Protein backbone atom coordinates (compact mmCIF):
# COMPACT_ATOMS: atom_id res chain seq x y z
CA MET A 1 0.21 0.19 -0.08
CA ALA A 2 1.54 3.28 -0.91
CA VAL A 3 0.70 6.45 1.13
CA ARG A 4 2.05 9.59 0.30
CA ILE A 5 3.44 12.38 2.66
CA THR A 6 4.35 16.00 2.73
CA VAL A 7 7.64 16.90 3.95
CA ASP A 8 8.72 20.62 4.88
CA ILE A 9 10.93 22.15 2.23
CA LEU A 10 14.04 22.10 5.10
CA LEU A 11 13.85 18.70 6.06
CA HIS A 12 13.84 17.83 2.45
CA ASP A 13 16.65 19.75 1.53
CA MET A 14 18.50 17.88 4.75
CA LEU A 15 17.11 14.56 3.39
CA ARG A 16 18.52 15.12 0.14
CA HIS A 17 21.89 15.97 1.83
CA LYS A 18 22.37 13.01 3.82
CA ALA A 19 21.03 10.39 1.13
CA SER A 20 23.54 11.75 -1.65
CA GLN A 21 26.15 11.47 1.15
CA SER A 22 25.27 7.90 2.26
CA GLY A 23 24.45 7.20 -1.38
CA SER A 24 20.81 6.08 -0.78
CA SER A 25 17.47 7.55 -1.93
CA ILE A 26 15.42 9.81 0.31
CA ARG A 27 12.84 7.23 0.46
CA ALA A 28 15.12 4.59 1.47
CA LEU A 29 16.24 7.09 4.34
CA ILE A 30 12.55 7.43 5.58
CA ILE A 31 11.56 3.71 5.50
CA GLN A 32 15.02 3.02 7.37
CA ALA A 33 13.78 6.16 9.65
CA ILE A 34 10.47 4.52 10.32
CA GLU A 35 11.80 1.06 10.73
CA GLN A 36 13.97 2.14 13.76
CA THR A 37 11.66 3.68 15.20
CA TYR A 38 8.27 1.80 15.46
CA GLY A 39 10.37 -1.67 14.56
CA THR A 40 8.90 -4.35 12.60
CA ARG A 41 6.03 -6.08 14.13
CA ASP A 42 6.43 -9.86 15.46
CA LYS A 43 4.33 -12.39 13.97
CA ALA A 44 3.04 -12.85 17.83
CA ALA A 45 1.64 -9.02 17.86
CA TYR A 46 -0.95 -10.29 15.15
CA MET A 47 -4.38 -11.41 16.15
CA THR A 48 -4.48 -15.17 16.40
CA GLY A 49 -8.37 -15.08 17.69
CA PRO A 50 -11.33 -13.23 17.57
CA PRO A 51 -11.45 -9.69 19.24
CA VAL A 52 -14.42 -10.34 21.30
CA THR A 53 -14.96 -13.69 23.18
CA GLY A 54 -18.10 -14.68 24.86
CA PRO A 55 -21.21 -13.60 23.93
CA ALA A 56 -21.27 -10.05 22.04
CA LYS A 57 -24.29 -7.36 22.00
CA LEU A 58 -24.47 -5.31 18.97
CA GLY A 59 -24.50 -1.86 19.25
CA PRO A 60 -27.05 1.16 18.22
CA SER A 61 -24.99 1.06 14.77
CA PHE A 62 -26.52 -2.57 13.67
CA PRO A 63 -30.00 -2.63 14.33
CA LYS A 64 -31.39 -6.57 13.93
CA ASP A 65 -34.81 -5.79 11.95
CA GLU A 66 -33.23 -3.44 9.00
CA ASN A 67 -32.50 -5.27 5.73
CA PRO A 68 -29.28 -3.82 4.64
CA HIS A 69 -29.98 -3.83 0.83
CA GLU A 70 -33.17 -1.59 1.65
CA LEU A 71 -30.75 0.95 2.70
CA VAL A 72 -28.63 0.71 0.24
CA PHE A 73 -30.69 0.43 -2.74
CA SER A 74 -33.82 2.43 -1.94
C-alpha cells in the first residue's frame, strides 16, 4: 500500500544532503527511520483469535430489523 507524505522544504534539503552522502535515496532514508523508530511487528503481534470472546451485543449502529439492501438500494 503506497502512502503519500508531505515533507517540509528545510527537512527535504537535509534529507537530500544526507541521501547524497550515504549513496541512498530519500525514500530509503525515510523507510529506514520509520523502521528504526517503530520496529517491525513480530508474528505474535498479529491477532490469532476473535477480538471479542463470549457473548457480544450489537450496538445501535447494527439494528436487528433493518435490511442493509433496503438502505443501499432504495
